[in-house]
Amino acid sequence: MVRGDSMEPFLFNRDMAMVDMSKTAIRDGVVYAIMYGDEPLVKQVFKKPDGSLVLHSYNAKYPDKDIPLLQMEYVQIIGEVIYRSGSGFAAN
């Protein structure tokens, strides 16, 4: 279950997301469930030429998060988000 509004309008608070845990090789621009340290996230992931990552939220009020090479050991790709289900806007 999605928590928060950082991926609106793609994913809304309380939407359900199906994650294919066999798809962990990063493809540029694809949405993944990831762990960054002890924080679970669902983000669009972009690869930089040097191997570092950018975690992008669809909601413009959240800035991109750069993950430098020195912090890549704290990133675990859980899997690709392959399906989402919900009713759109969710009241808090």
Protein backbone atom coordinates (compact mmCIF):
# COMPACT_ATOMS: atom_id res chain seq x y z
CA MET A 1 0.00 0.00 0.00
CA VAL A 2 1.28 3.45 -0.97
CA ARG A 3 1.73 6.01 1.79
CA GLY A 4 2.00 9.69 0.97
CA ASP A 5 1.51 11.93 -2.05
CA SER A 6 4.99 12.16 -3.56
CA MET A 7 4.05 10.10 -6.62
CA GLU A 8 0.73 11.79 -7.45
CA PRO A 9 -0.88 11.68 -9.97
CA PHE A 10 0.68 8.26 -10.79
CA LEU A 11 0.12 6.80 -7.32
CA PHE A 12 -2.13 8.25 -4.64
CA ASN A 13 -2.07 7.77 -0.89
CA ARG A 14 -3.56 4.35 -0.04
CA ASP A 15 -3.33 3.02 -3.62
CA MET A 16 -2.11 -0.54 -3.99
CA ALA A 17 0.99 -1.20 -6.06
CA MET A 18 2.12 -4.58 -7.40
CA VAL A 19 5.88 -5.01 -7.45
CA ASP A 20 7.69 -7.59 -9.60
CA MET A 21 10.61 -8.55 -7.37
CA SER A 22 12.32 -10.37 -10.24
CA LYS A 23 12.85 -7.03 -12.03
CA THR A 24 15.66 -5.38 -10.08
CA ALA A 25 17.99 -4.32 -12.91
CA ILE A 26 17.47 -0.58 -13.21
CA ARG A 27 15.97 0.65 -16.47
CA ASP A 28 16.16 4.41 -16.78
CA GLY A 29 12.89 6.21 -16.02
CA VAL A 30 11.03 3.19 -14.62
CA VAL A 31 9.18 3.29 -11.28
CA TYR A 32 10.62 1.00 -8.60
CA ALA A 33 9.99 0.09 -5.00
CA ILE A 34 13.31 0.61 -3.25
CA MET A 35 14.85 0.72 0.18
CA TYR A 36 17.17 3.63 0.85
CA GLY A 37 18.76 2.92 4.18
CA ASP A 38 15.77 1.93 6.29
CA GLU A 39 13.28 4.01 4.28
CA PRO A 40 10.90 2.25 1.85
CA LEU A 41 10.23 4.39 -1.24
CA VAL A 42 8.42 4.20 -4.55
CA LYS A 43 10.19 6.45 -7.07
CA GLN A 44 10.96 6.90 -10.73
CA VAL A 45 14.65 6.04 -11.02
CA PHE A 46 17.16 7.59 -13.39
CA LYS A 47 20.75 6.46 -13.86
CA LYS A 48 23.51 9.02 -14.24
CA PRO A 49 26.53 8.30 -16.47
CA ASP A 50 28.78 7.84 -13.41
CA GLY A 51 26.50 5.09 -11.99
CA SER A 52 24.81 7.24 -9.36
CA LEU A 53 21.02 7.55 -9.24
CA VAL A 54 18.33 10.20 -9.17
CA LEU A 55 15.09 9.34 -7.36
CA HIS A 56 12.25 11.34 -8.87
CA SER A 57 8.83 12.06 -7.38
CA TYR A 58 6.04 12.81 -9.84
CA ASN A 59 4.61 15.42 -7.46
CA ALA A 60 6.55 18.63 -8.18
CA LYS A 61 6.50 19.74 -4.55
CA TYR A 62 9.08 17.04 -3.77
CA PRO A 63 12.60 17.68 -5.08
CA ASP A 64 14.65 14.97 -6.77
CA LYS A 65 16.94 13.02 -4.47
CA ASP A 66 20.47 12.40 -5.77
CA ILE A 67 22.12 9.20 -4.58
CA PRO A 68 25.90 9.56 -5.02
CA LEU A 69 28.10 6.54 -5.70
CA LEU A 70 29.38 6.58 -2.12
CA GLN A 71 25.83 5.95 -0.86
CA MET A 72 24.83 3.26 -3.37
CA GLU A 73 25.50 0.58 -0.76
CA TYR A 74 22.42 1.89 1.08
CA VAL A 75 20.14 1.36 -1.96
CA GLN A 76 18.28 -1.89 -2.49
CA ILE A 77 15.99 -2.24 -5.51
CA ILE A 78 13.01 -4.28 -4.31
CA GLY A 79 11.39 -4.50 -7.75
CA GLU A 80 9.62 -2.74 -10.57
CA VAL A 81 6.12 -1.38 -10.03
CA ILE A 82 4.14 -3.24 -12.70
CA TYR A 83 0.55 -2.52 -11.67
CA ARG A 84 -1.33 -0.02 -9.56
CA SER A 85 -4.87 0.02 -8.29
CA GLY A 86 -6.82 2.70 -6.54
CA SER A 87 -9.69 5.11 -6.76
CA GLY A 88 -7.73 8.23 -7.60
CA PHE A 89 -7.84 10.99 -5.01
CA ALA A 90 -7.72 9.58 -1.48
CA ALA A 91 -8.93 11.64 1.46
CA ASN A 92 -6.49 11.74 4.37
